[in-house]
Amino acid sequence: MASRIPEVITALVALGKADSAEPGSVLAGVEIADGPEASDTQAQEWLIVGFDGDPSGDFEAAQSVGGWSDLRSGREEQFQVLVAVVVNRGDQDVVAARARTYEIAQRVEAWLRADPSIGLRSLEAGVEATRLIQEQTETGATARLLLTVAGRAFT
């Protein structure tokens, strides 16, 4: 089965890593991850492409449906890729954690607005939906913003 999802995930991770390397970037210090990577980093802020950011969850990365575009040229795929922005704080300031998740997420939206194809041929994508999860524990406030990057592409 042909799918463009692997390319979309790879492109979003590459955009995140390039953005975070820019001097003065909003993403400076943010750990950019391709799915649920094992890491020994002590990072408190994460941008995770292809994972919902819930280590006790079902590790959902993406989904798609396909249909014929025509009998000669192949299929069109409609896809959704999950992107999680996670901000952990050592204090109880959930307002600051929430604000920072949205600040990081705005960079993802900026990439998609600047180039809906994210550098890939016969593809368009954008942020379709978001979902915010907030938590207070003895280790501090955590905010997790889930972005659904949705689009369509020809396979």
N, C-alpha and C. Protein backbone atom coordinates (compact mmCIF):
# COMPACT_ATOMS: atom_id res chain seq x y z
N MET A 1 0.84 -1.18 0.00
CA MET A 1 0.00 0.00 0.00
C MET A 1 0.88 1.25 0.00
N ALA A 2 0.61 2.12 -0.91
CA ALA A 2 1.37 3.38 -0.98
C ALA A 2 0.76 4.40 -0.03
N SER A 3 1.61 5.11 0.69
CA SER A 3 1.16 6.17 1.59
C SER A 3 2.23 7.25 1.62
N ARG A 4 1.79 8.48 1.78
CA ARG A 4 2.70 9.61 1.88
C ARG A 4 3.02 9.96 3.33
N ILE A 5 2.38 9.27 4.28
CA ILE A 5 2.58 9.58 5.70
C ILE A 5 4.04 9.55 6.11
N PRO A 6 4.83 8.53 5.73
CA PRO A 6 6.25 8.55 6.14
C PRO A 6 6.98 9.81 5.66
N GLU A 7 6.69 10.25 4.44
CA GLU A 7 7.33 11.46 3.92
C GLU A 7 6.90 12.71 4.71
N VAL A 8 5.62 12.77 5.06
CA VAL A 8 5.11 13.93 5.80
C VAL A 8 5.78 14.01 7.16
N ILE A 9 5.87 12.89 7.86
CA ILE A 9 6.52 12.88 9.18
C ILE A 9 7.98 13.31 9.04
N THR A 10 8.69 12.75 8.09
CA THR A 10 10.10 13.09 7.88
C THR A 10 10.26 14.58 7.57
N ALA A 11 9.39 15.12 6.73
CA ALA A 11 9.48 16.54 6.36
C ALA A 11 9.22 17.44 7.56
N LEU A 12 8.22 17.11 8.38
CA LEU A 12 7.92 17.93 9.55
C LEU A 12 9.06 17.89 10.57
N VAL A 13 9.64 16.72 10.77
CA VAL A 13 10.79 16.62 11.68
C VAL A 13 11.94 17.47 11.16
N ALA A 14 12.22 17.39 9.86
CA ALA A 14 13.31 18.17 9.27
C ALA A 14 13.06 19.67 9.44
N LEU A 15 11.82 20.11 9.23
CA LEU A 15 11.49 21.52 9.42
C LEU A 15 11.72 21.94 10.86
N GLY A 16 11.32 21.10 11.79
CA GLY A 16 11.52 21.40 13.21
C GLY A 16 12.98 21.51 13.58
N LYS A 17 13.78 20.57 13.09
CA LYS A 17 15.21 20.59 13.42
C LYS A 17 15.90 21.80 12.80
N ALA A 18 15.53 22.13 11.58
CA ALA A 18 16.12 23.31 10.92
C ALA A 18 15.72 24.58 11.66
N ASP A 19 14.46 24.68 12.03
CA ASP A 19 13.96 25.86 12.74
C ASP A 19 14.66 26.00 14.10
N SER A 20 14.79 24.89 14.83
CA SER A 20 15.38 24.96 16.17
C SER A 20 16.86 25.33 16.12
N ALA A 21 17.51 25.11 14.99
CA ALA A 21 18.93 25.44 14.84
C ALA A 21 19.17 26.91 14.51
N GLU A 22 18.11 27.61 14.13
CA GLU A 22 18.23 29.04 13.80
C GLU A 22 18.49 29.86 15.06
N PRO A 23 19.46 30.76 15.03
CA PRO A 23 19.71 31.62 16.20
C PRO A 23 18.47 32.44 16.56
N GLY A 24 18.12 32.44 17.82
CA GLY A 24 16.98 33.21 18.30
C GLY A 24 15.63 32.60 18.00
N SER A 25 15.61 31.37 17.53
CA SER A 25 14.35 30.72 17.18
C SER A 25 13.49 30.45 18.41
N VAL A 26 12.19 30.51 18.22
CA VAL A 26 11.23 30.13 19.25
C VAL A 26 11.47 28.68 19.67
N LEU A 27 12.01 27.89 18.76
CA LEU A 27 12.24 26.47 19.04
C LEU A 27 13.63 26.18 19.62
N ALA A 28 14.42 27.21 19.88
CA ALA A 28 15.74 26.98 20.49
C ALA A 28 15.53 26.28 21.83
N GLY A 29 16.22 25.18 22.03
CA GLY A 29 16.11 24.42 23.28
C GLY A 29 14.97 23.42 23.29
N VAL A 30 14.12 23.43 22.27
CA VAL A 30 13.02 22.47 22.18
C VAL A 30 13.55 21.18 21.57
N GLU A 31 13.28 20.06 22.20
CA GLU A 31 13.69 18.76 21.66
C GLU A 31 12.74 18.38 20.54
N ILE A 32 13.27 18.17 19.34
CA ILE A 32 12.47 17.79 18.18
C ILE A 32 12.60 16.28 18.04
N ALA A 33 11.49 15.56 18.05
CA ALA A 33 11.54 14.10 18.02
C ALA A 33 10.69 13.53 16.90
N ASP A 34 11.16 12.44 16.34
CA ASP A 34 10.45 11.68 15.32
C ASP A 34 9.78 10.51 16.03
N GLY A 35 8.54 10.71 16.43
CA GLY A 35 7.82 9.68 17.16
C GLY A 35 8.33 9.55 18.58
N PRO A 36 8.00 8.45 19.22
CA PRO A 36 8.38 8.25 20.62
C PRO A 36 9.83 7.79 20.75
N GLU A 37 10.75 8.71 20.52
CA GLU A 37 12.17 8.39 20.59
C GLU A 37 12.61 8.17 22.03
N ALA A 38 13.49 7.21 22.22
CA ALA A 38 14.13 7.02 23.52
C ALA A 38 15.25 8.05 23.62
N SER A 39 15.31 8.76 24.71
CA SER A 39 16.31 9.82 24.84
C SER A 39 16.67 10.00 26.31
N ASP A 40 17.90 10.36 26.55
CA ASP A 40 18.33 10.66 27.92
C ASP A 40 18.38 12.16 28.16
N THR A 41 17.80 12.93 27.29
CA THR A 41 17.80 14.39 27.43
C THR A 41 16.97 14.81 28.63
N GLN A 42 17.32 15.92 29.18
CA GLN A 42 16.57 16.50 30.28
C GLN A 42 15.67 17.63 29.79
N ALA A 43 15.41 17.66 28.49
CA ALA A 43 14.59 18.72 27.89
C ALA A 43 13.23 18.80 28.57
N GLN A 44 12.76 20.01 28.74
CA GLN A 44 11.44 20.25 29.34
C GLN A 44 10.40 20.62 28.29
N GLU A 45 10.87 20.87 27.06
CA GLU A 45 9.97 21.24 25.98
C GLU A 45 10.23 20.33 24.79
N TRP A 46 9.14 19.82 24.23
CA TRP A 46 9.24 18.85 23.14
C TRP A 46 8.28 19.20 22.01
N LEU A 47 8.73 18.93 20.79
CA LEU A 47 7.88 18.93 19.60
C LEU A 47 8.05 17.53 19.02
N ILE A 48 6.99 16.75 19.09
CA ILE A 48 7.07 15.33 18.72
C ILE A 48 6.15 15.09 17.53
N VAL A 49 6.73 14.69 16.42
CA VAL A 49 5.97 14.43 15.19
C VAL A 49 5.69 12.93 15.10
N GLY A 50 4.43 12.58 14.91
CA GLY A 50 4.07 11.18 14.77
C GLY A 50 3.90 10.46 16.11
N PHE A 51 3.42 11.17 17.11
CA PHE A 51 3.18 10.57 18.43
C PHE A 51 2.33 11.55 19.22
N ASP A 52 1.40 11.02 20.01
CA ASP A 52 0.51 11.90 20.78
C ASP A 52 1.12 12.38 22.09
N GLY A 53 2.35 11.98 22.38
CA GLY A 53 3.04 12.47 23.57
C GLY A 53 2.60 11.83 24.87
N ASP A 54 1.76 10.81 24.82
CA ASP A 54 1.28 10.14 26.02
C ASP A 54 1.97 8.79 26.16
N PRO A 55 2.98 8.69 27.06
CA PRO A 55 3.71 7.43 27.18
C PRO A 55 2.86 6.26 27.69
N SER A 56 1.70 6.55 28.24
CA SER A 56 0.82 5.46 28.69
C SER A 56 -0.35 5.26 27.73
N GLY A 57 -0.32 5.94 26.60
CA GLY A 57 -1.40 5.85 25.62
C GLY A 57 -1.19 4.76 24.60
N ASP A 58 -1.84 4.91 23.46
CA ASP A 58 -1.78 3.88 22.43
C ASP A 58 -0.75 4.16 21.35
N PHE A 59 0.07 5.22 21.50
CA PHE A 59 1.17 5.54 20.59
C PHE A 59 0.69 5.78 19.16
N GLU A 60 -0.49 6.37 19.02
CA GLU A 60 -1.01 6.68 17.69
C GLU A 60 -0.13 7.72 17.02
N ALA A 61 0.16 7.49 15.74
CA ALA A 61 1.02 8.41 14.98
C ALA A 61 0.27 9.12 13.87
N ALA A 62 -0.52 8.37 13.09
CA ALA A 62 -1.17 8.94 11.91
C ALA A 62 -2.27 8.01 11.44
N GLN A 63 -3.08 8.54 10.54
CA GLN A 63 -4.10 7.71 9.89
C GLN A 63 -4.37 8.29 8.50
N SER A 64 -4.92 7.45 7.65
CA SER A 64 -5.25 7.93 6.31
C SER A 64 -6.38 7.12 5.72
N VAL A 65 -6.99 7.71 4.72
CA VAL A 65 -7.98 7.02 3.89
C VAL A 65 -7.64 7.37 2.45
N GLY A 66 -7.95 6.46 1.57
CA GLY A 66 -7.63 6.69 0.17
C GLY A 66 -8.83 6.52 -0.72
N GLY A 67 -8.71 7.02 -1.90
CA GLY A 67 -9.74 6.89 -2.91
C GLY A 67 -9.12 7.09 -4.28
N TRP A 68 -9.83 6.70 -5.28
CA TRP A 68 -9.31 6.86 -6.64
C TRP A 68 -9.40 8.31 -7.07
N SER A 69 -8.34 8.80 -7.69
CA SER A 69 -8.41 10.13 -8.29
C SER A 69 -8.92 9.99 -9.72
N ASP A 70 -8.46 8.99 -10.43
CA ASP A 70 -9.02 8.57 -11.71
C ASP A 70 -8.38 7.23 -12.06
N LEU A 71 -8.85 6.60 -13.10
CA LEU A 71 -8.39 5.25 -13.42
C LEU A 71 -6.95 5.20 -13.93
N ARG A 72 -6.43 6.30 -14.40
CA ARG A 72 -5.08 6.29 -14.95
C ARG A 72 -4.01 6.77 -13.98
N SER A 73 -4.32 7.77 -13.20
CA SER A 73 -3.25 8.41 -12.43
C SER A 73 -3.10 7.91 -11.00
N GLY A 74 -3.93 7.03 -10.56
CA GLY A 74 -3.71 6.48 -9.23
C GLY A 74 -4.68 6.95 -8.18
N ARG A 75 -4.14 7.02 -6.96
CA ARG A 75 -5.00 7.25 -5.81
C ARG A 75 -4.69 8.57 -5.10
N GLU A 76 -5.71 9.08 -4.45
CA GLU A 76 -5.55 10.25 -3.60
C GLU A 76 -5.66 9.78 -2.16
N GLU A 77 -4.77 10.25 -1.32
CA GLU A 77 -4.78 9.88 0.09
C GLU A 77 -5.10 11.12 0.92
N GLN A 78 -6.02 10.96 1.86
CA GLN A 78 -6.28 11.99 2.85
C GLN A 78 -5.65 11.49 4.15
N PHE A 79 -4.82 12.32 4.75
CA PHE A 79 -4.06 11.86 5.91
C PHE A 79 -4.19 12.81 7.09
N GLN A 80 -3.90 12.27 8.26
CA GLN A 80 -3.80 13.05 9.48
C GLN A 80 -2.58 12.54 10.24
N VAL A 81 -1.69 13.45 10.58
CA VAL A 81 -0.50 13.13 11.35
C VAL A 81 -0.58 13.87 12.68
N LEU A 82 -0.37 13.16 13.77
CA LEU A 82 -0.38 13.80 15.08
C LEU A 82 0.96 14.45 15.37
N VAL A 83 0.91 15.63 15.92
CA VAL A 83 2.10 16.35 16.38
C VAL A 83 1.79 16.79 17.81
N ALA A 84 2.68 16.45 18.73
CA ALA A 84 2.48 16.83 20.13
C ALA A 84 3.51 17.88 20.53
N VAL A 85 3.03 18.90 21.21
CA VAL A 85 3.90 19.89 21.84
C VAL A 85 3.73 19.69 23.33
N VAL A 86 4.82 19.37 24.01
CA VAL A 86 4.77 19.09 25.44
C VAL A 86 5.70 20.07 26.16
N VAL A 87 5.15 20.73 27.17
CA VAL A 87 5.93 21.65 28.00
C VAL A 87 5.76 21.23 29.45
N ASN A 88 6.88 20.88 30.07
CA ASN A 88 6.92 20.52 31.49
C ASN A 88 7.58 21.66 32.24
N ARG A 89 7.00 22.02 33.39
CA ARG A 89 7.58 23.07 34.20
C ARG A 89 7.84 22.53 35.60
N GLY A 90 8.83 23.05 36.24
CA GLY A 90 9.14 22.65 37.61
C GLY A 90 8.34 23.41 38.65
N ASP A 91 7.41 24.23 38.20
CA ASP A 91 6.54 24.98 39.12
C ASP A 91 5.09 24.68 38.79
N GLN A 92 4.19 25.35 39.41
CA GLN A 92 2.76 25.10 39.22
C GLN A 92 2.11 26.07 38.24
N ASP A 93 2.91 26.76 37.45
CA ASP A 93 2.40 27.79 36.55
C ASP A 93 1.86 27.18 35.25
N VAL A 94 0.63 26.70 35.33
CA VAL A 94 0.02 26.07 34.16
C VAL A 94 -0.27 27.11 33.07
N VAL A 95 -0.50 28.34 33.45
CA VAL A 95 -0.74 29.40 32.47
C VAL A 95 0.49 29.57 31.57
N ALA A 96 1.67 29.60 32.17
CA ALA A 96 2.90 29.74 31.39
C ALA A 96 3.15 28.50 30.53
N ALA A 97 2.88 27.31 31.07
CA ALA A 97 3.06 26.07 30.30
C ALA A 97 2.13 26.06 29.09
N ARG A 98 0.89 26.44 29.29
CA ARG A 98 -0.09 26.47 28.20
C ARG A 98 0.32 27.49 27.13
N ALA A 99 0.70 28.68 27.57
CA ALA A 99 1.10 29.73 26.62
C ALA A 99 2.30 29.27 25.79
N ARG A 100 3.24 28.60 26.42
CA ARG A 100 4.44 28.15 25.70
C ARG A 100 4.09 27.06 24.68
N THR A 101 3.15 26.17 25.00
CA THR A 101 2.78 25.14 24.02
C THR A 101 2.22 25.79 22.76
N TYR A 102 1.40 26.81 22.94
CA TYR A 102 0.83 27.48 21.77
C TYR A 102 1.89 28.27 21.00
N GLU A 103 2.86 28.82 21.70
CA GLU A 103 3.94 29.54 21.03
C GLU A 103 4.74 28.57 20.13
N ILE A 104 5.04 27.40 20.65
CA ILE A 104 5.77 26.39 19.87
C ILE A 104 4.91 25.93 18.69
N ALA A 105 3.64 25.67 18.94
CA ALA A 105 2.72 25.19 17.89
C ALA A 105 2.57 26.20 16.76
N GLN A 106 2.67 27.48 17.08
CA GLN A 106 2.57 28.50 16.03
C GLN A 106 3.66 28.35 14.98
N ARG A 107 4.80 27.79 15.36
CA ARG A 107 5.86 27.58 14.38
C ARG A 107 5.43 26.51 13.37
N VAL A 108 4.80 25.45 13.84
CA VAL A 108 4.32 24.40 12.93
C VAL A 108 3.32 25.00 11.96
N GLU A 109 2.39 25.78 12.49
CA GLU A 109 1.40 26.41 11.62
C GLU A 109 2.08 27.36 10.62
N ALA A 110 3.11 28.06 11.05
CA ALA A 110 3.83 28.98 10.15
C ALA A 110 4.49 28.22 9.00
N TRP A 111 5.07 27.06 9.28
CA TRP A 111 5.68 26.27 8.18
C TRP A 111 4.63 25.89 7.16
N LEU A 112 3.46 25.44 7.65
CA LEU A 112 2.41 24.96 6.76
C LEU A 112 1.76 26.11 5.99
N ARG A 113 1.68 27.27 6.58
CA ARG A 113 1.14 28.43 5.85
C ARG A 113 2.12 28.92 4.79
N ALA A 114 3.40 28.90 5.12
CA ALA A 114 4.41 29.35 4.17
C ALA A 114 4.52 28.41 2.98
N ASP A 115 4.35 27.11 3.22
CA ASP A 115 4.46 26.11 2.16
C ASP A 115 3.57 24.91 2.50
N PRO A 116 2.30 24.94 2.10
CA PRO A 116 1.40 23.83 2.41
C PRO A 116 1.86 22.48 1.87
N SER A 117 2.79 22.49 0.93
CA SER A 117 3.31 21.21 0.41
C SER A 117 4.44 20.68 1.27
N ILE A 118 4.92 21.46 2.22
CA ILE A 118 6.09 21.17 3.06
C ILE A 118 7.24 20.58 2.25
N GLY A 119 7.37 21.09 1.04
CA GLY A 119 8.46 20.67 0.18
C GLY A 119 8.24 19.36 -0.55
N LEU A 120 7.04 18.83 -0.49
CA LEU A 120 6.72 17.54 -1.12
C LEU A 120 5.80 17.75 -2.32
N ARG A 121 6.03 17.00 -3.35
CA ARG A 121 5.26 17.12 -4.58
C ARG A 121 3.85 16.55 -4.42
N SER A 122 2.88 17.16 -5.05
CA SER A 122 1.49 16.69 -5.09
C SER A 122 0.91 16.47 -3.70
N LEU A 123 1.12 17.45 -2.83
CA LEU A 123 0.67 17.32 -1.44
C LEU A 123 0.31 18.70 -0.90
N GLU A 124 -0.71 18.75 -0.05
CA GLU A 124 -1.03 19.97 0.68
C GLU A 124 -1.48 19.58 2.08
N ALA A 125 -1.09 20.41 3.06
CA ALA A 125 -1.39 20.09 4.45
C ALA A 125 -1.57 21.37 5.25
N GLY A 126 -2.23 21.24 6.38
CA GLY A 126 -2.42 22.34 7.31
C GLY A 126 -2.83 21.80 8.67
N VAL A 127 -2.80 22.65 9.67
CA VAL A 127 -3.28 22.25 10.99
C VAL A 127 -4.80 22.28 10.94
N GLU A 128 -5.39 21.13 11.14
CA GLU A 128 -6.84 20.99 11.05
C GLU A 128 -7.53 21.10 12.40
N ALA A 129 -6.89 20.57 13.44
CA ALA A 129 -7.53 20.56 14.76
C ALA A 129 -6.45 20.57 15.83
N THR A 130 -6.84 21.00 17.03
CA THR A 130 -5.94 20.95 18.18
C THR A 130 -6.71 20.41 19.38
N ARG A 131 -5.95 19.90 20.33
CA ARG A 131 -6.54 19.43 21.59
C ARG A 131 -5.53 19.70 22.69
N LEU A 132 -5.96 20.35 23.76
CA LEU A 132 -5.08 20.73 24.87
C LEU A 132 -5.36 19.86 26.08
N ILE A 133 -4.27 19.30 26.66
CA ILE A 133 -4.36 18.52 27.89
C ILE A 133 -3.44 19.20 28.90
N GLN A 134 -3.94 19.48 30.09
CA GLN A 134 -3.16 20.14 31.13
C GLN A 134 -3.16 19.26 32.37
N GLU A 135 -2.02 19.28 33.08
CA GLU A 135 -1.90 18.43 34.25
C GLU A 135 -1.05 19.13 35.30
N GLN A 136 -1.41 18.94 36.56
CA GLN A 136 -0.62 19.42 37.68
C GLN A 136 -0.20 18.19 38.49
N THR A 137 1.10 18.05 38.73
CA THR A 137 1.59 16.96 39.58
C THR A 137 2.56 17.55 40.59
N GLU A 138 3.11 16.69 41.43
CA GLU A 138 4.08 17.16 42.41
C GLU A 138 5.37 17.67 41.75
N THR A 139 5.59 17.32 40.49
CA THR A 139 6.78 17.80 39.78
C THR A 139 6.51 19.07 38.99
N GLY A 140 5.27 19.55 38.99
CA GLY A 140 4.96 20.80 38.31
C GLY A 140 3.87 20.68 37.28
N ALA A 141 3.65 21.76 36.59
CA ALA A 141 2.61 21.83 35.56
C ALA A 141 3.13 21.27 34.25
N THR A 142 2.24 20.59 33.54
CA THR A 142 2.54 20.09 32.20
C THR A 142 1.38 20.45 31.30
N ALA A 143 1.70 20.95 30.12
CA ALA A 143 0.69 21.20 29.10
C ALA A 143 1.10 20.41 27.86
N ARG A 144 0.12 19.74 27.26
CA ARG A 144 0.37 18.98 26.03
C ARG A 144 -0.67 19.40 25.02
N LEU A 145 -0.19 19.95 23.91
CA LEU A 145 -1.07 20.41 22.85
C LEU A 145 -0.91 19.46 21.67
N LEU A 146 -2.00 18.82 21.28
CA LEU A 146 -1.99 17.90 20.15
C LEU A 146 -2.49 18.62 18.92
N LEU A 147 -1.68 18.58 17.87
CA LEU A 147 -2.05 19.16 16.59
C LEU A 147 -2.36 18.04 15.62
N THR A 148 -3.42 18.20 14.88
CA THR A 148 -3.69 17.28 13.78
C THR A 148 -3.30 17.99 12.50
N VAL A 149 -2.20 17.52 11.90
CA VAL A 149 -1.77 18.04 10.61
C VAL A 149 -2.47 17.16 9.57
N ALA A 150 -3.39 17.76 8.86
CA ALA A 150 -4.21 17.01 7.90
C ALA A 150 -3.98 17.54 6.50
N GLY A 151 -4.16 16.65 5.56
CA GLY A 151 -4.00 17.07 4.18
C GLY A 151 -4.37 15.99 3.21
N ARG A 152 -3.99 16.23 1.99
CA ARG A 152 -4.24 15.25 0.95
C ARG A 152 -3.06 15.23 0.00
N ALA A 153 -2.89 14.06 -0.61
CA ALA A 153 -1.74 13.88 -1.50
C ALA A 153 -2.08 12.79 -2.50
N PHE A 154 -1.36 12.79 -3.58
CA PHE A 154 -1.49 11.71 -4.55
C PHE A 154 -0.38 10.71 -4.28
N THR A 155 -0.75 9.43 -4.32
CA THR A 155 0.23 8.38 -4.04
C THR A 155 0.68 7.71 -5.34
